[in-house]
Amino acid sequence: MELTSKNVFHLFVSLLFLEDELQDDEPPEEHIEIEGITQTVYFHPLRLNEAKTHISKLVSQTPLDFQEGGGGGNSFLALCYDINGEQWTDSHQHMEELCLMAVAAGVGKWSMPREMWPTLPRKMPYITFNPKGV
């Protein structure tokens, strides 16, 4: 799966709960809750598990600065470029979707606790990916 805005968005949406799976507009008891920069999402656990390989493939295409064992993490703001230095998105929304999926799948982690984000440049978090973590 190639790292593109379209692929990230479609995969992200496929991992969310469908309307008929909600219980009184809330996710079922079994869900995976991930807090991002601007939103908190609830992923469907079975669909997320089935998508781990795709998510790992996407994060493996991010710059080495983001890779565990490479640069060890980088600013969210630099995530718009791929491993070849090409811009894959112009949307912070799609960058956050990639981060949320990676954290939920266990192949990404915020490099510092949320409480420390205000001390970082532009108050944006750093993220580290481990695509081999699947």
N, C-alpha and C. Protein backbone atom coordinates (compact mmCIF):
# COMPACT_ATOMS: atom_id res chain seq x y z
N MET A 1 0.86 -1.17 0.00
CA MET A 1 0.00 0.00 0.00
C MET A 1 0.90 1.23 0.00
N GLU A 2 0.68 2.10 -0.96
CA GLU A 2 1.49 3.31 -1.10
C GLU A 2 1.00 4.40 -0.15
N LEU A 3 1.94 5.16 0.40
CA LEU A 3 1.63 6.26 1.31
C LEU A 3 1.10 7.44 0.50
N THR A 4 -0.22 7.57 0.48
CA THR A 4 -0.90 8.70 -0.18
C THR A 4 -2.03 9.17 0.73
N SER A 5 -2.45 10.40 0.54
CA SER A 5 -3.58 10.92 1.32
C SER A 5 -4.81 10.04 1.16
N LYS A 6 -5.07 9.66 -0.08
CA LYS A 6 -6.26 8.84 -0.36
C LYS A 6 -6.20 7.50 0.36
N ASN A 7 -5.05 6.82 0.31
CA ASN A 7 -4.93 5.52 0.96
C ASN A 7 -5.04 5.63 2.47
N VAL A 8 -4.40 6.65 3.03
CA VAL A 8 -4.47 6.84 4.49
C VAL A 8 -5.91 7.11 4.91
N PHE A 9 -6.58 8.00 4.21
CA PHE A 9 -7.96 8.35 4.56
C PHE A 9 -8.89 7.13 4.46
N HIS A 10 -8.80 6.40 3.36
CA HIS A 10 -9.70 5.25 3.17
C HIS A 10 -9.44 4.16 4.21
N LEU A 11 -8.18 3.91 4.52
CA LEU A 11 -7.88 2.91 5.54
C LEU A 11 -8.39 3.38 6.90
N PHE A 12 -8.14 4.64 7.24
CA PHE A 12 -8.58 5.20 8.51
C PHE A 12 -10.09 5.04 8.68
N VAL A 13 -10.85 5.45 7.69
CA VAL A 13 -12.31 5.38 7.77
C VAL A 13 -12.78 3.94 7.90
N SER A 14 -12.09 3.02 7.24
CA SER A 14 -12.50 1.61 7.30
C SER A 14 -12.32 1.00 8.69
N LEU A 15 -11.53 1.64 9.53
CA LEU A 15 -11.26 1.12 10.87
C LEU A 15 -12.19 1.67 11.94
N LEU A 16 -13.00 2.64 11.57
CA LEU A 16 -13.94 3.24 12.51
C LEU A 16 -15.21 2.39 12.58
N PHE A 17 -16.02 2.63 13.60
CA PHE A 17 -17.27 1.90 13.74
C PHE A 17 -18.30 2.42 12.74
N LEU A 18 -19.08 1.50 12.19
CA LEU A 18 -20.20 1.86 11.33
C LEU A 18 -21.34 2.34 12.21
N GLU A 19 -22.23 3.10 11.64
CA GLU A 19 -23.33 3.66 12.41
C GLU A 19 -24.15 2.58 13.12
N ASP A 20 -24.40 1.47 12.43
CA ASP A 20 -25.22 0.42 13.05
C ASP A 20 -24.45 -0.40 14.10
N GLU A 21 -23.16 -0.15 14.25
CA GLU A 21 -22.37 -0.82 15.29
C GLU A 21 -22.32 -0.01 16.59
N LEU A 22 -22.78 1.22 16.53
CA LEU A 22 -22.78 2.08 17.71
C LEU A 22 -23.94 1.73 18.62
N GLN A 23 -23.77 2.00 19.89
CA GLN A 23 -24.82 1.76 20.88
C GLN A 23 -25.17 3.10 21.51
N ASP A 24 -26.32 3.65 21.15
CA ASP A 24 -26.73 4.98 21.60
C ASP A 24 -25.67 6.02 21.23
N ASP A 25 -25.22 5.97 19.98
CA ASP A 25 -24.21 6.88 19.43
C ASP A 25 -22.85 6.78 20.12
N GLU A 26 -22.61 5.72 20.85
CA GLU A 26 -21.33 5.48 21.52
C GLU A 26 -20.73 4.18 20.98
N PRO A 27 -19.40 4.08 20.98
CA PRO A 27 -18.80 2.81 20.53
C PRO A 27 -19.11 1.69 21.52
N PRO A 28 -19.12 0.46 21.06
CA PRO A 28 -19.33 -0.67 21.96
C PRO A 28 -18.24 -0.73 23.03
N GLU A 29 -18.48 -1.54 24.03
CA GLU A 29 -17.52 -1.66 25.12
C GLU A 29 -16.13 -2.06 24.62
N GLU A 30 -16.10 -2.94 23.65
CA GLU A 30 -14.82 -3.37 23.08
C GLU A 30 -14.46 -2.42 21.94
N HIS A 31 -13.54 -1.52 22.24
CA HIS A 31 -13.05 -0.57 21.23
C HIS A 31 -11.63 -0.17 21.62
N ILE A 32 -10.94 0.44 20.68
CA ILE A 32 -9.59 0.94 20.94
C ILE A 32 -9.65 2.45 20.82
N GLU A 33 -9.44 3.12 21.94
CA GLU A 33 -9.52 4.58 22.01
C GLU A 33 -8.11 5.17 21.94
N ILE A 34 -7.92 6.10 21.00
CA ILE A 34 -6.62 6.75 20.83
C ILE A 34 -6.84 8.26 20.80
N GLU A 35 -6.07 8.95 21.63
CA GLU A 35 -6.14 10.41 21.66
C GLU A 35 -5.06 10.97 20.75
N GLY A 36 -5.49 11.82 19.83
CA GLY A 36 -4.56 12.44 18.90
C GLY A 36 -4.32 13.90 19.25
N ILE A 37 -3.97 14.67 18.26
CA ILE A 37 -3.68 16.08 18.45
C ILE A 37 -4.98 16.88 18.53
N THR A 38 -5.89 16.62 17.61
CA THR A 38 -7.14 17.38 17.56
C THR A 38 -8.38 16.55 17.83
N GLN A 39 -8.21 15.24 17.94
CA GLN A 39 -9.38 14.39 18.08
C GLN A 39 -9.04 13.10 18.84
N THR A 40 -10.08 12.51 19.38
CA THR A 40 -9.98 11.18 19.97
C THR A 40 -10.84 10.27 19.10
N VAL A 41 -10.29 9.12 18.72
CA VAL A 41 -11.02 8.20 17.86
C VAL A 41 -11.17 6.85 18.55
N TYR A 42 -12.17 6.10 18.08
CA TYR A 42 -12.48 4.78 18.58
C TYR A 42 -12.42 3.81 17.42
N PHE A 43 -11.41 2.95 17.43
CA PHE A 43 -11.24 2.00 16.34
C PHE A 43 -11.91 0.68 16.67
N HIS A 44 -12.38 0.02 15.61
CA HIS A 44 -12.95 -1.32 15.71
C HIS A 44 -11.79 -2.29 15.88
N PRO A 45 -11.73 -3.04 16.98
CA PRO A 45 -10.54 -3.87 17.26
C PRO A 45 -10.25 -4.95 16.21
N LEU A 46 -11.27 -5.60 15.70
CA LEU A 46 -11.02 -6.66 14.71
C LEU A 46 -10.51 -6.10 13.40
N ARG A 47 -11.12 -5.02 12.94
CA ARG A 47 -10.68 -4.41 11.69
C ARG A 47 -9.28 -3.82 11.83
N LEU A 48 -9.01 -3.25 13.00
CA LEU A 48 -7.67 -2.70 13.24
C LEU A 48 -6.63 -3.82 13.19
N ASN A 49 -6.92 -4.92 13.83
CA ASN A 49 -5.99 -6.06 13.85
C ASN A 49 -5.73 -6.56 12.42
N GLU A 50 -6.77 -6.62 11.62
CA GLU A 50 -6.62 -7.09 10.23
C GLU A 50 -5.81 -6.11 9.38
N ALA A 51 -5.78 -4.83 9.77
CA ALA A 51 -5.11 -3.79 8.98
C ALA A 51 -3.68 -3.50 9.43
N LYS A 52 -3.20 -4.19 10.45
CA LYS A 52 -1.87 -3.87 10.99
C LYS A 52 -0.77 -3.94 9.94
N THR A 53 -0.82 -4.90 9.06
CA THR A 53 0.21 -5.02 8.03
C THR A 53 0.17 -3.81 7.10
N HIS A 54 -1.02 -3.35 6.74
CA HIS A 54 -1.15 -2.17 5.87
C HIS A 54 -0.62 -0.92 6.58
N ILE A 55 -0.96 -0.78 7.85
CA ILE A 55 -0.50 0.38 8.62
C ILE A 55 1.02 0.36 8.73
N SER A 56 1.58 -0.80 8.99
CA SER A 56 3.03 -0.95 9.07
C SER A 56 3.69 -0.57 7.75
N LYS A 57 3.08 -0.98 6.65
CA LYS A 57 3.62 -0.66 5.33
C LYS A 57 3.60 0.85 5.10
N LEU A 58 2.53 1.52 5.53
CA LEU A 58 2.44 2.97 5.36
C LEU A 58 3.53 3.69 6.16
N VAL A 59 3.69 3.33 7.44
CA VAL A 59 4.67 4.04 8.26
C VAL A 59 6.10 3.71 7.84
N SER A 60 6.32 2.57 7.19
CA SER A 60 7.66 2.23 6.70
C SER A 60 8.09 3.16 5.57
N GLN A 61 7.14 3.89 5.00
CA GLN A 61 7.44 4.81 3.91
C GLN A 61 7.67 6.24 4.37
N THR A 62 7.68 6.45 5.70
CA THR A 62 7.97 7.78 6.25
C THR A 62 9.48 7.95 6.35
N PRO A 63 9.97 9.19 6.46
CA PRO A 63 11.42 9.42 6.54
C PRO A 63 12.07 8.66 7.70
N LEU A 64 13.34 8.33 7.51
CA LEU A 64 14.08 7.57 8.52
C LEU A 64 14.13 8.30 9.86
N ASP A 65 14.01 9.63 9.84
CA ASP A 65 13.98 10.39 11.10
C ASP A 65 12.86 9.92 12.02
N PHE A 66 11.81 9.40 11.45
CA PHE A 66 10.66 8.94 12.24
C PHE A 66 10.83 7.51 12.73
N GLN A 67 11.76 6.79 12.16
CA GLN A 67 11.88 5.36 12.43
C GLN A 67 12.67 5.09 13.71
N GLU A 68 12.16 4.19 14.52
CA GLU A 68 12.89 3.72 15.69
C GLU A 68 14.17 3.06 15.19
N GLY A 69 15.27 3.44 15.77
CA GLY A 69 16.55 2.91 15.30
C GLY A 69 17.15 3.76 14.19
N GLY A 70 16.35 4.63 13.59
CA GLY A 70 16.85 5.57 12.58
C GLY A 70 17.12 6.89 13.27
N GLY A 71 16.16 7.78 13.19
CA GLY A 71 16.29 9.07 13.85
C GLY A 71 15.67 9.06 15.24
N GLY A 72 14.79 8.09 15.49
CA GLY A 72 14.17 7.98 16.80
C GLY A 72 12.98 8.88 17.02
N GLY A 73 12.45 9.44 15.97
CA GLY A 73 11.25 10.28 16.08
C GLY A 73 11.49 11.66 15.53
N ASN A 74 10.41 12.28 15.09
CA ASN A 74 10.50 13.62 14.53
C ASN A 74 9.17 14.33 14.76
N SER A 75 9.17 15.62 14.47
CA SER A 75 7.99 16.44 14.67
C SER A 75 6.87 16.03 13.73
N PHE A 76 5.68 16.03 14.26
CA PHE A 76 4.48 15.78 13.46
C PHE A 76 4.48 16.64 12.20
N LEU A 77 4.98 17.86 12.31
CA LEU A 77 4.93 18.80 11.18
C LEU A 77 5.79 18.36 10.00
N ALA A 78 6.75 17.47 10.21
CA ALA A 78 7.60 16.98 9.13
C ALA A 78 7.04 15.72 8.48
N LEU A 79 5.90 15.27 8.94
CA LEU A 79 5.34 14.00 8.47
C LEU A 79 4.72 14.07 7.08
N CYS A 80 4.65 15.23 6.50
CA CYS A 80 4.01 15.37 5.18
C CYS A 80 4.90 14.86 4.04
N TYR A 81 6.14 14.49 4.37
CA TYR A 81 7.07 13.98 3.35
C TYR A 81 7.28 12.49 3.53
N ASP A 82 7.56 11.81 2.43
CA ASP A 82 7.82 10.38 2.49
C ASP A 82 9.32 10.12 2.59
N ILE A 83 9.70 8.88 2.56
CA ILE A 83 11.10 8.49 2.72
C ILE A 83 11.99 9.02 1.60
N ASN A 84 11.38 9.36 0.45
CA ASN A 84 12.13 9.89 -0.68
C ASN A 84 12.15 11.42 -0.71
N GLY A 85 11.58 12.04 0.31
CA GLY A 85 11.55 13.49 0.36
C GLY A 85 10.43 14.11 -0.45
N GLU A 86 9.54 13.28 -0.96
CA GLU A 86 8.39 13.76 -1.73
C GLU A 86 7.22 14.04 -0.80
N GLN A 87 6.49 15.10 -1.06
CA GLN A 87 5.32 15.41 -0.23
C GLN A 87 4.18 14.47 -0.60
N TRP A 88 3.70 13.71 0.39
CA TRP A 88 2.61 12.77 0.13
C TRP A 88 1.25 13.36 0.49
N THR A 89 1.25 14.43 1.29
CA THR A 89 -0.01 15.08 1.66
C THR A 89 0.23 16.54 1.99
N ASP A 90 -0.83 17.32 1.84
CA ASP A 90 -0.79 18.72 2.28
C ASP A 90 -1.83 18.92 3.39
N SER A 91 -2.23 17.81 4.01
CA SER A 91 -3.30 17.84 4.99
C SER A 91 -2.83 17.33 6.36
N HIS A 92 -2.90 18.20 7.36
CA HIS A 92 -2.59 17.77 8.72
C HIS A 92 -3.57 16.69 9.18
N GLN A 93 -4.78 16.74 8.65
CA GLN A 93 -5.78 15.73 9.02
C GLN A 93 -5.29 14.33 8.63
N HIS A 94 -4.77 14.18 7.42
CA HIS A 94 -4.31 12.86 6.98
C HIS A 94 -3.05 12.44 7.74
N MET A 95 -2.20 13.40 8.08
CA MET A 95 -1.02 13.08 8.89
C MET A 95 -1.46 12.57 10.26
N GLU A 96 -2.45 13.22 10.85
CA GLU A 96 -2.94 12.77 12.16
C GLU A 96 -3.61 11.40 12.05
N GLU A 97 -4.34 11.16 10.97
CA GLU A 97 -4.96 9.84 10.77
C GLU A 97 -3.90 8.74 10.75
N LEU A 98 -2.78 9.00 10.04
CA LEU A 98 -1.70 8.03 10.00
C LEU A 98 -1.14 7.79 11.41
N CYS A 99 -0.94 8.86 12.16
CA CYS A 99 -0.43 8.72 13.54
C CYS A 99 -1.39 7.93 14.41
N LEU A 100 -2.67 8.24 14.33
CA LEU A 100 -3.66 7.56 15.16
C LEU A 100 -3.70 6.07 14.86
N MET A 101 -3.67 5.73 13.57
CA MET A 101 -3.67 4.31 13.20
C MET A 101 -2.41 3.62 13.69
N ALA A 102 -1.27 4.28 13.55
CA ALA A 102 0.01 3.68 13.95
C ALA A 102 0.06 3.44 15.46
N VAL A 103 -0.38 4.42 16.22
CA VAL A 103 -0.39 4.26 17.68
C VAL A 103 -1.35 3.13 18.07
N ALA A 104 -2.52 3.10 17.47
CA ALA A 104 -3.51 2.06 17.79
C ALA A 104 -3.00 0.66 17.42
N ALA A 105 -2.25 0.58 16.32
CA ALA A 105 -1.76 -0.72 15.85
C ALA A 105 -0.47 -1.15 16.55
N GLY A 106 0.09 -0.28 17.37
CA GLY A 106 1.31 -0.63 18.09
C GLY A 106 2.58 -0.45 17.28
N VAL A 107 2.50 0.28 16.17
CA VAL A 107 3.69 0.54 15.36
C VAL A 107 4.07 2.02 15.40
N GLY A 108 3.48 2.75 16.31
CA GLY A 108 3.81 4.16 16.49
C GLY A 108 3.58 4.56 17.94
N LYS A 109 4.30 5.58 18.36
CA LYS A 109 4.08 6.09 19.72
C LYS A 109 4.46 7.57 19.74
N TRP A 110 3.72 8.32 20.54
CA TRP A 110 4.07 9.71 20.76
C TRP A 110 5.36 9.70 21.55
N SER A 111 6.34 10.49 21.15
CA SER A 111 7.66 10.46 21.77
C SER A 111 7.69 11.06 23.17
N MET A 112 6.72 11.92 23.47
CA MET A 112 6.65 12.54 24.79
C MET A 112 5.20 12.58 25.23
N PRO A 113 4.97 12.62 26.54
CA PRO A 113 3.60 12.72 27.03
C PRO A 113 2.94 14.03 26.59
N ARG A 114 1.64 13.99 26.45
CA ARG A 114 0.86 15.15 26.00
C ARG A 114 1.18 16.41 26.81
N GLU A 115 1.43 16.25 28.10
CA GLU A 115 1.70 17.40 28.97
C GLU A 115 2.95 18.16 28.54
N MET A 116 3.84 17.50 27.82
CA MET A 116 5.08 18.14 27.38
C MET A 116 4.97 18.79 26.00
N TRP A 117 3.90 18.50 25.27
CA TRP A 117 3.77 19.03 23.92
C TRP A 117 3.87 20.56 23.86
N PRO A 118 3.32 21.29 24.83
CA PRO A 118 3.44 22.75 24.77
C PRO A 118 4.88 23.27 24.82
N THR A 119 5.81 22.45 25.27
CA THR A 119 7.21 22.88 25.35
C THR A 119 7.96 22.63 24.05
N LEU A 120 7.35 21.91 23.12
CA LEU A 120 8.00 21.55 21.86
C LEU A 120 7.82 22.66 20.82
N PRO A 121 8.69 22.70 19.81
CA PRO A 121 8.54 23.71 18.75
C PRO A 121 7.14 23.67 18.15
N ARG A 122 6.55 24.83 18.04
CA ARG A 122 5.18 25.00 17.52
C ARG A 122 4.14 24.19 18.30
N LYS A 123 4.53 23.71 19.47
CA LYS A 123 3.63 22.96 20.37
C LYS A 123 3.09 21.69 19.72
N MET A 124 3.87 21.15 18.79
CA MET A 124 3.47 19.94 18.08
C MET A 124 4.25 18.74 18.58
N PRO A 125 3.58 17.60 18.74
CA PRO A 125 4.24 16.40 19.27
C PRO A 125 5.23 15.79 18.28
N TYR A 126 6.11 15.00 18.82
CA TYR A 126 7.00 14.17 18.03
C TYR A 126 6.43 12.76 18.06
N ILE A 127 6.65 12.03 16.97
CA ILE A 127 6.16 10.66 16.89
C ILE A 127 7.28 9.76 16.37
N THR A 128 7.27 8.52 16.84
CA THR A 128 8.25 7.52 16.42
C THR A 128 7.48 6.32 15.88
N PHE A 129 7.96 5.78 14.75
CA PHE A 129 7.33 4.60 14.16
C PHE A 129 8.27 3.40 14.25
N ASN A 130 7.67 2.23 14.41
CA ASN A 130 8.41 0.98 14.39
C ASN A 130 7.63 0.01 13.50
N PRO A 131 7.80 0.14 12.18
CA PRO A 131 7.01 -0.70 11.27
C PRO A 131 7.27 -2.19 11.43
N LYS A 132 8.36 -2.56 12.06
CA LYS A 132 8.65 -3.98 12.29
C LYS A 132 7.96 -4.49 13.54
N GLY A 133 7.23 -3.62 14.22
CA GLY A 133 6.56 -3.98 15.46
C GLY A 133 5.34 -4.86 15.28
N VAL A 134 4.94 -5.09 14.04
CA VAL A 134 3.76 -5.92 13.78
C VAL A 134 4.12 -7.39 13.87
